[in-house]
Amino acid sequence: MQLITGVTRGGEPYTPAFVMAIEQANCIGCGRCFKVCPREVFDLVEREALDGLEADDYDDDDYGDDDDGFSDDTAMVMSLKNSLDCIGCGSCARICPKNCFTHEAQPLQA
């Protein structure tokens, strides 16, 4: 199976790994991945009740409260909006404080 491969400016082969999933149970909804993504792959959505936990049960105290326009009692998480637009740059994985992303190299389509 041949994978999608490119070449860096230095002439080295590069195999991008594309975002396949977000572990929403770990996501704190900080929006960092949304901000760094050059292709609008993500969308911020309300967290559905996961395992019976309330919004206050999630550990997001390390990131402080900011005036982001969302109610403090509404937990938000990232979701995949346009996963096929992912270019495999990996910016989302590098900036995520909770390591929520799964990436995979993809086969070349004939």
PDB file of N, CA and C in Angstrom:
ATOM      1  N   MET A   1       0.840  -1.170   0.000  1.00  0.00           N
ATOM      2  CA  MET A   1       0.000   0.000   0.000  1.00  0.00           C
ATOM      3  C   MET A   1       0.890   1.239   0.000  1.00  0.00           C
ATOM      4  N   GLN A   2       0.672   2.101  -0.961  1.00  0.00           N
ATOM      5  CA  GLN A   2       1.436   3.335  -1.071  1.00  0.00           C
ATOM      6  C   GLN A   2       0.703   4.446  -0.320  1.00  0.00           C
ATOM      7  N   LEU A   3       1.448   5.186   0.524  1.00  0.00           N
ATOM      8  CA  LEU A   3       0.869   6.260   1.324  1.00  0.00           C
ATOM      9  C   LEU A   3       1.013   7.605   0.629  1.00  0.00           C
ATOM     10  N   ILE A   4       0.135   8.532   0.978  1.00  0.00           N
ATOM     11  CA  ILE A   4       0.269   9.905   0.496  1.00  0.00           C
ATOM     12  C   ILE A   4       1.594  10.441   1.021  1.00  0.00           C
ATOM     13  N   THR A   5       2.437  10.919   0.118  1.00  0.00           N
ATOM     14  CA  THR A   5       3.766  11.395   0.491  1.00  0.00           C
ATOM     15  C   THR A   5       4.066  12.674  -0.277  1.00  0.00           C
ATOM     16  N   GLY A   6       4.765  13.563   0.386  1.00  0.00           N
ATOM     17  CA  GLY A   6       5.200  14.800  -0.247  1.00  0.00           C
ATOM     18  C   GLY A   6       6.701  14.930  -0.108  1.00  0.00           C
ATOM     19  N   VAL A   7       7.204  16.097  -0.438  1.00  0.00           N
ATOM     20  CA  VAL A   7       8.634  16.371  -0.346  1.00  0.00           C
ATOM     21  C   VAL A   7       8.808  17.717   0.349  1.00  0.00           C
ATOM     22  N   THR A   8       9.721  17.788   1.309  1.00  0.00           N
ATOM     23  CA  THR A   8      10.002  19.049   1.995  1.00  0.00           C
ATOM     24  C   THR A   8      10.788  19.972   1.068  1.00  0.00           C
ATOM     25  N   ARG A   9      10.948  21.228   1.471  1.00  0.00           N
ATOM     26  CA  ARG A   9      11.749  22.165   0.674  1.00  0.00           C
ATOM     27  C   ARG A   9      13.181  21.684   0.542  1.00  0.00           C
ATOM     28  N   GLY A  10      13.649  20.919   1.511  1.00  0.00           N
ATOM     29  CA  GLY A  10      15.008  20.388   1.472  1.00  0.00           C
ATOM     30  C   GLY A  10      15.136  19.124   0.638  1.00  0.00           C
ATOM     31  N   GLY A  11      14.026  18.671   0.054  1.00  0.00           N
ATOM     32  CA  GLY A  11      14.065  17.506  -0.814  1.00  0.00           C
ATOM     33  C   GLY A  11      13.857  16.177  -0.101  1.00  0.00           C
ATOM     34  N   GLU A  12      13.562  16.216   1.190  1.00  0.00           N
ATOM     35  CA  GLU A  12      13.341  14.981   1.945  1.00  0.00           C
ATOM     36  C   GLU A  12      11.884  14.536   1.817  1.00  0.00           C
ATOM     37  N   PRO A  13      11.650  13.225   1.708  1.00  0.00           N
ATOM     38  CA  PRO A  13      10.266  12.741   1.656  1.00  0.00           C
ATOM     39  C   PRO A  13       9.551  12.999   2.983  1.00  0.00           C
ATOM     40  N   TYR A  14       8.261  13.294   2.893  1.00  0.00           N
ATOM     41  CA  TYR A  14       7.444  13.602   4.060  1.00  0.00           C
ATOM     42  C   TYR A  14       6.105  12.888   3.912  1.00  0.00           C
ATOM     43  N   THR A  15       5.732  12.118   4.923  1.00  0.00           N
ATOM     44  CA  THR A  15       4.445  11.431   4.933  1.00  0.00           C
ATOM     45  C   THR A  15       3.563  12.067   6.000  1.00  0.00           C
ATOM     46  N   PRO A  16       2.567  12.856   5.600  1.00  0.00           N
ATOM     47  CA  PRO A  16       1.709  13.505   6.589  1.00  0.00           C
ATOM     48  C   PRO A  16       0.788  12.500   7.275  1.00  0.00           C
ATOM     49  N   ALA A  17       0.487  12.766   8.539  1.00  0.00           N
ATOM     50  CA  ALA A  17      -0.487  11.978   9.289  1.00  0.00           C
ATOM     51  C   ALA A  17      -1.709  12.870   9.488  1.00  0.00           C
ATOM     52  N   PHE A  18      -2.842  12.420   9.007  1.00  0.00           N
ATOM     53  CA  PHE A  18      -4.068  13.214   9.017  1.00  0.00           C
ATOM     54  C   PHE A  18      -4.882  12.932  10.272  1.00  0.00           C
ATOM     55  N   VAL A  19      -5.597  13.953  10.766  1.00  0.00           N
ATOM     56  CA  VAL A  19      -6.415  13.777  11.968  1.00  0.00           C
ATOM     57  C   VAL A  19      -7.578  12.838  11.647  1.00  0.00           C
ATOM     58  N   MET A  20      -7.740  11.835  12.510  1.00  0.00           N
ATOM     59  CA  MET A  20      -8.789  10.841  12.317  1.00  0.00           C
ATOM     60  C   MET A  20      -9.872  10.932  13.385  1.00  0.00           C
ATOM     61  N   ALA A  21      -9.483  11.341  14.597  1.00  0.00           N
ATOM     62  CA  ALA A  21     -10.446  11.376  15.700  1.00  0.00           C
ATOM     63  C   ALA A  21      -9.978  12.326  16.787  1.00  0.00           C
ATOM     64  N   ILE A  22     -10.933  12.765  17.586  1.00  0.00           N
ATOM     65  CA  ILE A  22     -10.665  13.564  18.779  1.00  0.00           C
ATOM     66  C   ILE A  22     -11.252  12.806  19.962  1.00  0.00           C
ATOM     67  N   GLU A  23     -10.462  12.617  20.991  1.00  0.00           N
ATOM     68  CA  GLU A  23     -10.942  11.979  22.217  1.00  0.00           C
ATOM     69  C   GLU A  23     -11.661  13.050  23.031  1.00  0.00           C
ATOM     70  N   GLN A  24     -12.973  13.181  22.814  1.00  0.00           N
ATOM     71  CA  GLN A  24     -13.732  14.255  23.443  1.00  0.00           C
ATOM     72  C   GLN A  24     -13.795  14.125  24.961  1.00  0.00           C
ATOM     73  N   ALA A  25     -13.645  12.936  25.482  1.00  0.00           N
ATOM     74  CA  ALA A  25     -13.654  12.758  26.940  1.00  0.00           C
ATOM     75  C   ALA A  25     -12.463  13.457  27.589  1.00  0.00           C
ATOM     76  N   ASN A  26     -11.368  13.628  26.836  1.00  0.00           N
ATOM     77  CA  ASN A  26     -10.176  14.298  27.360  1.00  0.00           C
ATOM     78  C   ASN A  26     -10.119  15.778  27.003  1.00  0.00           C
ATOM     79  N   CYS A  27     -10.882  16.185  26.001  1.00  0.00           N
ATOM     80  CA  CYS A  27     -10.842  17.562  25.507  1.00  0.00           C
ATOM     81  C   CYS A  27     -11.385  18.528  26.557  1.00  0.00           C
ATOM     82  N   ILE A  28     -10.668  19.634  26.769  1.00  0.00           N
ATOM     83  CA  ILE A  28     -11.096  20.656  27.723  1.00  0.00           C
ATOM     84  C   ILE A  28     -11.724  21.860  27.023  1.00  0.00           C
ATOM     85  N   GLY A  29     -11.821  21.815  25.700  1.00  0.00           N
ATOM     86  CA  GLY A  29     -12.468  22.892  24.958  1.00  0.00           C
ATOM     87  C   GLY A  29     -11.717  24.206  24.964  1.00  0.00           C
ATOM     88  N   CYS A  30     -10.395  24.148  25.061  1.00  0.00           N
ATOM     89  CA  CYS A  30      -9.595  25.379  25.139  1.00  0.00           C
ATOM     90  C   CYS A  30      -9.547  26.126  23.807  1.00  0.00           C
ATOM     91  N   GLY A  31      -9.771  25.428  22.684  1.00  0.00           N
ATOM     92  CA  GLY A  31      -9.796  26.062  21.377  1.00  0.00           C
ATOM     93  C   GLY A  31      -8.447  26.276  20.727  1.00  0.00           C
ATOM     94  N   ARG A  32      -7.387  25.781  21.331  1.00  0.00           N
ATOM     95  CA  ARG A  32      -6.051  25.990  20.759  1.00  0.00           C
ATOM     96  C   ARG A  32      -5.920  25.343  19.386  1.00  0.00           C
ATOM     97  N   CYS A  33      -6.434  24.136  19.238  1.00  0.00           N
ATOM     98  CA  CYS A  33      -6.349  23.446  17.946  1.00  0.00           C
ATOM     99  C   CYS A  33      -7.134  24.206  16.877  1.00  0.00           C
ATOM    100  N   PHE A  34      -8.288  24.729  17.266  1.00  0.00           N
ATOM    101  CA  PHE A  34      -9.119  25.514  16.357  1.00  0.00           C
ATOM    102  C   PHE A  34      -8.353  26.728  15.840  1.00  0.00           C
ATOM    103  N   LYS A  35      -7.618  27.373  16.733  1.00  0.00           N
ATOM    104  CA  LYS A  35      -6.887  28.593  16.379  1.00  0.00           C
ATOM    105  C   LYS A  35      -5.685  28.329  15.475  1.00  0.00           C
ATOM    106  N   VAL A  36      -5.006  27.188  15.640  1.00  0.00           N
ATOM    107  CA  VAL A  36      -3.802  26.936  14.838  1.00  0.00           C
ATOM    108  C   VAL A  36      -4.079  26.204  13.533  1.00  0.00           C
ATOM    109  N   CYS A  37      -5.262  25.632  13.388  1.00  0.00           N
ATOM    110  CA  CYS A  37      -5.561  24.855  12.177  1.00  0.00           C
ATOM    111  C   CYS A  37      -5.709  25.783  10.971  1.00  0.00           C
ATOM    112  N   PRO A  38      -4.894  25.571   9.921  1.00  0.00           N
ATOM    113  CA  PRO A  38      -4.970  26.442   8.748  1.00  0.00           C
ATOM    114  C   PRO A  38      -6.118  26.094   7.802  1.00  0.00           C
ATOM    115  N   ARG A  39      -6.853  24.999   8.085  1.00  0.00           N
ATOM    116  CA  ARG A  39      -7.862  24.526   7.137  1.00  0.00           C
ATOM    117  C   ARG A  39      -9.281  24.437   7.706  1.00  0.00           C
ATOM    118  N   GLU A  40      -9.531  24.981   8.894  1.00  0.00           N
ATOM    119  CA  GLU A  40     -10.864  24.967   9.508  1.00  0.00           C
ATOM    120  C   GLU A  40     -11.430  23.552   9.623  1.00  0.00           C
ATOM    121  N   VAL A  41     -10.607  22.644  10.124  1.00  0.00           N
ATOM    122  CA  VAL A  41     -10.999  21.244  10.285  1.00  0.00           C
ATOM    123  C   VAL A  41     -11.893  21.044  11.510  1.00  0.00           C
ATOM    124  N   PHE A  42     -11.800  21.935  12.505  1.00  0.00           N
ATOM    125  CA  PHE A  42     -12.477  21.734  13.783  1.00  0.00           C
ATOM    126  C   PHE A  42     -13.625  22.707  14.000  1.00  0.00           C
ATOM    127  N   ASP A  43     -14.502  22.310  14.931  1.00  0.00           N
ATOM    128  CA  ASP A  43     -15.600  23.167  15.347  1.00  0.00           C
ATOM    129  C   ASP A  43     -15.799  22.975  16.842  1.00  0.00           C
ATOM    130  N   LEU A  44     -16.095  24.047  17.549  1.00  0.00           N
ATOM    131  CA  LEU A  44     -16.343  23.989  18.983  1.00  0.00           C
ATOM    132  C   LEU A  44     -17.833  23.741  19.199  1.00  0.00           C
ATOM    133  N   VAL A  45     -18.168  22.668  19.917  1.00  0.00           N
ATOM    134  CA  VAL A  45     -19.564  22.288  20.150  1.00  0.00           C
ATOM    135  C   VAL A  45     -19.793  22.044  21.639  1.00  0.00           C
ATOM    136  N   GLU A  46     -21.059  22.047  22.050  1.00  0.00           N
ATOM    137  CA  GLU A  46     -21.380  21.724  23.437  1.00  0.00           C
ATOM    138  C   GLU A  46     -21.071  20.260  23.696  1.00  0.00           C
ATOM    139  N   ARG A  47     -20.496  20.010  24.865  1.00  0.00           N
ATOM    140  CA  ARG A  47     -20.175  18.635  25.245  1.00  0.00           C
ATOM    141  C   ARG A  47     -21.468  17.909  25.605  1.00  0.00           C
ATOM    142  N   GLU A  48     -21.662  16.762  25.007  1.00  0.00           N
ATOM    143  CA  GLU A  48     -22.777  15.909  25.395  1.00  0.00           C
ATOM    144  C   GLU A  48     -22.415  15.301  26.741  1.00  0.00           C
ATOM    145  N   ALA A  49     -23.381  14.899  27.502  1.00  0.00           N
ATOM    146  CA  ALA A  49     -23.094  14.263  28.798  1.00  0.00           C
ATOM    147  C   ALA A  49     -22.280  12.998  28.544  1.00  0.00           C
ATOM    148  N   LEU A  50     -21.088  12.948  29.119  1.00  0.00           N
ATOM    149  CA  LEU A  50     -20.215  11.790  28.959  1.00  0.00           C
ATOM    150  C   LEU A  50     -20.128  11.051  30.283  1.00  0.00           C
ATOM    151  N   ASP A  51     -20.547   9.816  30.308  1.00  0.00           N
ATOM    152  CA  ASP A  51     -20.456   8.971  31.498  1.00  0.00           C
ATOM    153  C   ASP A  51     -21.124   9.596  32.713  1.00  0.00           C
ATOM    154  N   GLY A  52     -22.167  10.381  32.509  1.00  0.00           N
ATOM    155  CA  GLY A  52     -22.908  10.949  33.621  1.00  0.00           C
ATOM    156  C   GLY A  52     -22.214  12.084  34.344  1.00  0.00           C
ATOM    157  N   LEU A  53     -21.111  12.597  33.818  1.00  0.00           N
ATOM    158  CA  LEU A  53     -20.403  13.697  34.464  1.00  0.00           C
ATOM    159  C   LEU A  53     -21.065  15.021  34.114  1.00  0.00           C
ATOM    160  N   GLU A  54     -21.027  15.927  35.038  1.00  0.00           N
ATOM    161  CA  GLU A  54     -21.538  17.273  34.804  1.00  0.00           C
ATOM    162  C   GLU A  54     -20.403  18.154  34.291  1.00  0.00           C
ATOM    163  N   ALA A  55     -20.731  19.298  33.770  1.00  0.00           N
ATOM    164  CA  ALA A  55     -19.712  20.214  33.248  1.00  0.00           C
ATOM    165  C   ALA A  55     -18.687  20.571  34.310  1.00  0.00           C
ATOM    166  N   ASP A  56     -19.112  20.701  35.573  1.00  0.00           N
ATOM    167  CA  ASP A  56     -18.194  21.078  36.646  1.00  0.00           C
ATOM    168  C   ASP A  56     -17.209  19.978  37.006  1.00  0.00           C
ATOM    169  N   ASP A  57     -17.454  18.738  36.553  1.00  0.00           N
ATOM    170  CA  ASP A  57     -16.591  17.617  36.905  1.00  0.00           C
ATOM    171  C   ASP A  57     -15.336  17.539  36.053  1.00  0.00           C
ATOM    172  N   TYR A  58     -15.255  18.319  34.976  1.00  0.00           N
ATOM    173  CA  TYR A  58     -14.099  18.250  34.099  1.00  0.00           C
ATOM    174  C   TYR A  58     -12.984  19.127  34.632  1.00  0.00           C
ATOM    175  N   ASP A  59     -11.761  18.659  34.487  1.00  0.00           N
ATOM    176  CA  ASP A  59     -10.600  19.351  35.048  1.00  0.00           C
ATOM    177  C   ASP A  59     -10.067  20.367  34.050  1.00  0.00           C
ATOM    178  N   ASP A  60     -10.614  21.578  34.116  1.00  0.00           N
ATOM    179  CA  ASP A  60     -10.100  22.635  33.255  1.00  0.00           C
ATOM    180  C   ASP A  60      -9.635  23.829  34.068  1.00  0.00           C
ATOM    181  N   ASP A  61      -9.393  23.623  35.357  1.00  0.00           N
ATOM    182  CA  ASP A  61      -8.988  24.707  36.246  1.00  0.00           C
ATOM    183  C   ASP A  61      -7.638  25.304  35.877  1.00  0.00           C
ATOM    184  N   ASP A  62      -6.776  24.538  35.239  1.00  0.00           N
ATOM    185  CA  ASP A  62      -5.444  25.016  34.893  1.00  0.00           C
ATOM    186  C   ASP A  62      -5.472  26.107  33.828  1.00  0.00           C
ATOM    187  N   TYR A  63      -6.585  26.279  33.163  1.00  0.00           N
ATOM    188  CA  TYR A  63      -6.636  27.180  32.025  1.00  0.00           C
ATOM    189  C   TYR A  63      -7.414  28.449  32.315  1.00  0.00           C
ATOM    190  N   GLY A  64      -7.898  28.609  33.549  1.00  0.00           N
ATOM    191  CA  GLY A  64      -8.523  29.854  33.978  1.00  0.00           C
ATOM    192  C   GLY A  64      -9.844  30.138  33.296  1.00  0.00           C
ATOM    193  N   ASP A  65     -10.501  31.149  33.781  1.00  0.00           N
ATOM    194  CA  ASP A  65     -11.758  31.588  33.194  1.00  0.00           C
ATOM    195  C   ASP A  65     -11.469  32.807  32.337  1.00  0.00           C
ATOM    196  N   ASP A  66     -12.001  32.799  31.140  1.00  0.00           N
ATOM    197  CA  ASP A  66     -11.837  33.964  30.290  1.00  0.00           C
ATOM    198  C   ASP A  66     -13.194  34.338  29.722  1.00  0.00           C
ATOM    199  N   ASP A  67     -13.274  35.508  29.181  1.00  0.00           N
ATOM    200  CA  ASP A  67     -14.520  35.976  28.604  1.00  0.00           C
ATOM    201  C   ASP A  67     -14.563  35.532  27.149  1.00  0.00           C
ATOM    202  N   ASP A  68     -14.990  34.281  26.935  1.00  0.00           N
ATOM    203  CA  ASP A  68     -15.005  33.714  25.594  1.00  0.00           C
ATOM    204  C   ASP A  68     -16.394  33.716  24.970  1.00  0.00           C
ATOM    205  N   GLY A  69     -17.375  34.295  25.671  1.00  0.00           N
ATOM    206  CA  GLY A  69     -18.714  34.354  25.123  1.00  0.00           C
ATOM    207  C   GLY A  69     -19.569  33.149  25.439  1.00  0.00           C
ATOM    208  N   PHE A  70     -19.005  32.152  26.123  1.00  0.00           N
ATOM    209  CA  PHE A  70     -19.753  30.960  26.474  1.00  0.00           C
ATOM    210  C   PHE A  70     -20.096  30.987  27.950  1.00  0.00           C
ATOM    211  N   SER A  71     -21.239  30.452  28.292  1.00  0.00           N
ATOM    212  CA  SER A  71     -21.638  30.352  29.691  1.00  0.00           C
ATOM    213  C   SER A  71     -20.694  29.417  30.423  1.00  0.00           C
ATOM    214  N   ASP A  72     -20.350  29.760  31.667  1.00  0.00           N
ATOM    215  CA  ASP A  72     -19.430  28.927  32.441  1.00  0.00           C
ATOM    216  C   ASP A  72     -20.008  27.561  32.761  1.00  0.00           C
ATOM    217  N   ASP A  73     -21.341  27.412  32.712  1.00  0.00           N
ATOM    218  CA  ASP A  73     -21.917  26.118  33.036  1.00  0.00           C
ATOM    219  C   ASP A  73     -22.164  25.258  31.795  1.00  0.00           C
ATOM    220  N   THR A  74     -21.705  25.707  30.638  1.00  0.00           N
ATOM    221  CA  THR A  74     -21.803  24.927  29.408  1.00  0.00           C
ATOM    222  C   THR A  74     -20.411  24.460  29.014  1.00  0.00           C
ATOM    223  N   ALA A  75     -20.181  23.158  29.085  1.00  0.00           N
ATOM    224  CA  ALA A  75     -18.878  22.611  28.708  1.00  0.00           C
ATOM    225  C   ALA A  75     -18.814  22.491  27.190  1.00  0.00           C
ATOM    226  N   MET A  76     -17.681  22.901  26.618  1.00  0.00           N
ATOM    227  CA  MET A  76     -17.492  22.856  25.177  1.00  0.00           C
ATOM    228  C   MET A  76     -16.325  21.930  24.847  1.00  0.00           C
ATOM    229  N   VAL A  77     -16.390  21.295  23.688  1.00  0.00           N
ATOM    230  CA  VAL A  77     -15.312  20.432  23.213  1.00  0.00           C
ATOM    231  C   VAL A  77     -15.147  20.632  21.710  1.00  0.00           C
ATOM    232  N   MET A  78     -14.022  20.182  21.197  1.00  0.00           N
ATOM    233  CA  MET A  78     -13.789  20.229  19.759  1.00  0.00           C
ATOM    234  C   MET A  78     -14.422  19.010  19.096  1.00  0.00           C
ATOM    235  N   SER A  79     -14.847  19.206  17.872  1.00  0.00           N
ATOM    236  CA  SER A  79     -15.323  18.099  17.052  1.00  0.00           C
ATOM    237  C   SER A  79     -14.722  18.277  15.661  1.00  0.00           C
ATOM    238  N   LEU A  80     -14.741  17.213  14.883  1.00  0.00           N
ATOM    239  CA  LEU A  80     -14.247  17.284  13.512  1.00  0.00           C
ATOM    240  C   LEU A  80     -15.352  17.843  12.629  1.00  0.00           C
ATOM    241  N   LYS A  81     -15.069  18.955  11.993  1.00  0.00           N
ATOM    242  CA  LYS A  81     -16.032  19.619  11.114  1.00  0.00           C
ATOM    243  C   LYS A  81     -15.782  19.223   9.659  1.00  0.00           C
ATOM    244  N   ASN A  82     -14.531  19.316   9.226  1.00  0.00           N
ATOM    245  CA  ASN A  82     -14.138  19.020   7.841  1.00  0.00           C
ATOM    246  C   ASN A  82     -12.860  18.188   7.847  1.00  0.00           C
ATOM    247  N   SER A  83     -12.938  16.948   8.311  1.00  0.00           N
ATOM    248  CA  SER A  83     -11.722  16.143   8.452  1.00  0.00           C
ATOM    249  C   SER A  83     -11.012  15.902   7.123  1.00  0.00           C
ATOM    250  N   LEU A  84     -11.753  15.901   6.027  1.00  0.00           N
ATOM    251  CA  LEU A  84     -11.120  15.680   4.722  1.00  0.00           C
ATOM    252  C   LEU A  84     -10.305  16.885   4.262  1.00  0.00           C
ATOM    253  N   ASP A  85     -10.452  18.029   4.935  1.00  0.00           N
ATOM    254  CA  ASP A  85      -9.657  19.214   4.617  1.00  0.00           C
ATOM    255  C   ASP A  85      -8.313  19.223   5.336  1.00  0.00           C
ATOM    256  N   CYS A  86      -8.089  18.263   6.239  1.00  0.00           N
ATOM    257  CA  CYS A  86      -6.830  18.189   6.988  1.00  0.00           C
ATOM    258  C   CYS A  86      -5.661  17.991   6.018  1.00  0.00           C
ATOM    259  N   ILE A  87      -4.585  18.776   6.223  1.00  0.00           N
ATOM    260  CA  ILE A  87      -3.397  18.654   5.372  1.00  0.00           C
ATOM    261  C   ILE A  87      -2.277  17.878   6.058  1.00  0.00           C
ATOM    262  N   GLY A  88      -2.536  17.405   7.274  1.00  0.00           N
ATOM    263  CA  GLY A  88      -1.547  16.580   7.968  1.00  0.00           C
ATOM    264  C   GLY A  88      -0.370  17.333   8.538  1.00  0.00           C
ATOM    265  N   CYS A  89      -0.556  18.598   8.871  1.00  0.00           N
ATOM    266  CA  CYS A  89       0.564  19.394   9.391  1.00  0.00           C
ATOM    267  C   CYS A  89       0.888  19.060  10.844  1.00  0.00           C
ATOM    268  N   GLY A  90      -0.095  18.548  11.601  1.00  0.00           N
ATOM    269  CA  GLY A  90       0.129  18.152  12.988  1.00  0.00           C
ATOM    270  C   GLY A  90       0.125  19.289  13.988  1.00  0.00           C
ATOM    271  N   SER A  91      -0.232  20.501  13.563  1.00  0.00           N
ATOM    272  CA  SER A  91      -0.254  21.643  14.482  1.00  0.00           C
ATOM    273  C   SER A  91      -1.198  21.405  15.651  1.00  0.00           C
ATOM    274  N   CYS A  92      -2.329  20.781  15.390  1.00  0.00           N
ATOM    275  CA  CYS A  92      -3.309  20.529  16.449  1.00  0.00           C
ATOM    276  C   CYS A  92      -2.736  19.615  17.528  1.00  0.00           C
ATOM    277  N   ALA A  93      -2.040  18.580  17.118  1.00  0.00           N
ATOM    278  CA  ALA A  93      -1.469  17.635  18.088  1.00  0.00           C
ATOM    279  C   ALA A  93      -0.354  18.278  18.906  1.00  0.00           C
ATOM    280  N   ARG A  94       0.431  19.140  18.271  1.00  0.00           N
ATOM    281  CA  ARG A  94       1.529  19.788  18.996  1.00  0.00           C
ATOM    282  C   ARG A  94       1.035  20.776  20.045  1.00  0.00           C
ATOM    283  N   ILE A  95      -0.100  21.414  19.802  1.00  0.00           N
ATOM    284  CA  ILE A  95      -0.564  22.450  20.730  1.00  0.00           C
ATOM    285  C   ILE A  95      -1.550  21.927  21.774  1.00  0.00           C
ATOM    286  N   CYS A  96      -2.106  20.755  21.573  1.00  0.00           N
ATOM    287  CA  CYS A  96      -3.122  20.215  22.484  1.00  0.00           C
ATOM    288  C   CYS A  96      -2.514  19.842  23.841  1.00  0.00           C
ATOM    289  N   PRO A  97      -2.994  20.456  24.938  1.00  0.00           N
ATOM    290  CA  PRO A  97      -2.440  20.147  26.259  1.00  0.00           C
ATOM    291  C   PRO A  97      -2.900  18.802  26.810  1.00  0.00           C
ATOM    292  N   LYS A  98      -3.899  18.185  26.185  1.00  0.00           N
ATOM    293  CA  LYS A  98      -4.449  16.922  26.690  1.00  0.00           C
ATOM    294  C   LYS A  98      -4.231  15.742  25.740  1.00  0.00           C
ATOM    295  N   ASN A  99      -3.494  15.945  24.649  1.00  0.00           N
ATOM    296  CA  ASN A  99      -3.203  14.875  23.681  1.00  0.00           C
ATOM    297  C   ASN A  99      -4.468  14.149  23.225  1.00  0.00           C
ATOM    298  N   CYS A 100      -5.409  14.901  22.716  1.00  0.00           N
ATOM    299  CA  CYS A 100      -6.719  14.367  22.347  1.00  0.00           C
ATOM    300  C   CYS A 100      -6.803  13.784  20.934  1.00  0.00           C
ATOM    301  N   PHE A 101      -5.773  13.945  20.129  1.00  0.00           N
ATOM    302  CA  PHE A 101      -5.891  13.634  18.707  1.00  0.00           C
ATOM    303  C   PHE A 101      -5.298  12.291  18.310  1.00  0.00           C
ATOM    304  N   THR A 102      -5.958  11.658  17.343  1.00  0.00           N
ATOM    305  CA  THR A 102      -5.445  10.456  16.696  1.00  0.00           C
ATOM    306  C   THR A 102      -5.177  10.828  15.243  1.00  0.00           C
ATOM    307  N   HIS A 103      -3.944  10.573  14.796  1.00  0.00           N
ATOM    308  CA  HIS A 103      -3.549  10.861  13.415  1.00  0.00           C
ATOM    309  C   HIS A 103      -3.082   9.573  12.745  1.00  0.00           C
ATOM    310  N   GLU A 104      -3.301   9.471  11.443  1.00  0.00           N
ATOM    311  CA  GLU A 104      -2.835   8.318  10.666  1.00  0.00           C
ATOM    312  C   GLU A 104      -2.411   8.772   9.273  1.00  0.00           C
ATOM    313  N   ALA A 105      -1.378   8.129   8.758  1.00  0.00           N
ATOM    314  CA  ALA A 105      -1.022   8.311   7.348  1.00  0.00           C
ATOM    315  C   ALA A 105      -2.120   7.647   6.522  1.00  0.00           C
ATOM    316  N   GLN A 106      -2.377   8.163   5.344  1.00  0.00           N
ATOM    317  CA  GLN A 106      -3.464   7.655   4.511  1.00  0.00           C
ATOM    318  C   GLN A 106      -2.936   7.092   3.199  1.00  0.00           C
ATOM    319  N   PRO A 107      -3.607   6.055   2.690  1.00  0.00           N
ATOM    320  CA  PRO A 107      -3.177   5.478   1.416  1.00  0.00           C
ATOM    321  C   PRO A 107      -3.455   6.422   0.252  1.00  0.00           C
ATOM    322  N   LEU A 108      -2.608   6.347  -0.735  1.00  0.00           N
ATOM    323  CA  LEU A 108      -2.770   7.125  -1.953  1.00  0.00           C
ATOM    324  C   LEU A 108      -3.940   6.551  -2.741  1.00  0.00           C
ATOM    325  N   GLN A 109      -4.874   7.403  -3.129  1.00  0.00           N
ATOM    326  CA  GLN A 109      -6.041   6.960  -3.899  1.00  0.00           C
ATOM    327  C   GLN A 109      -5.677   6.893  -5.375  1.00  0.00           C
ATOM    328  N   ALA A 110      -6.124   5.855  -6.020  1.00  0.00           N
ATOM    329  CA  ALA A 110      -5.825   5.682  -7.443  1.00  0.00           C
ATOM    330  C   ALA A 110      -6.711   6.528  -8.310  1.00  0.00           C
TER     331      ALA A 110
END
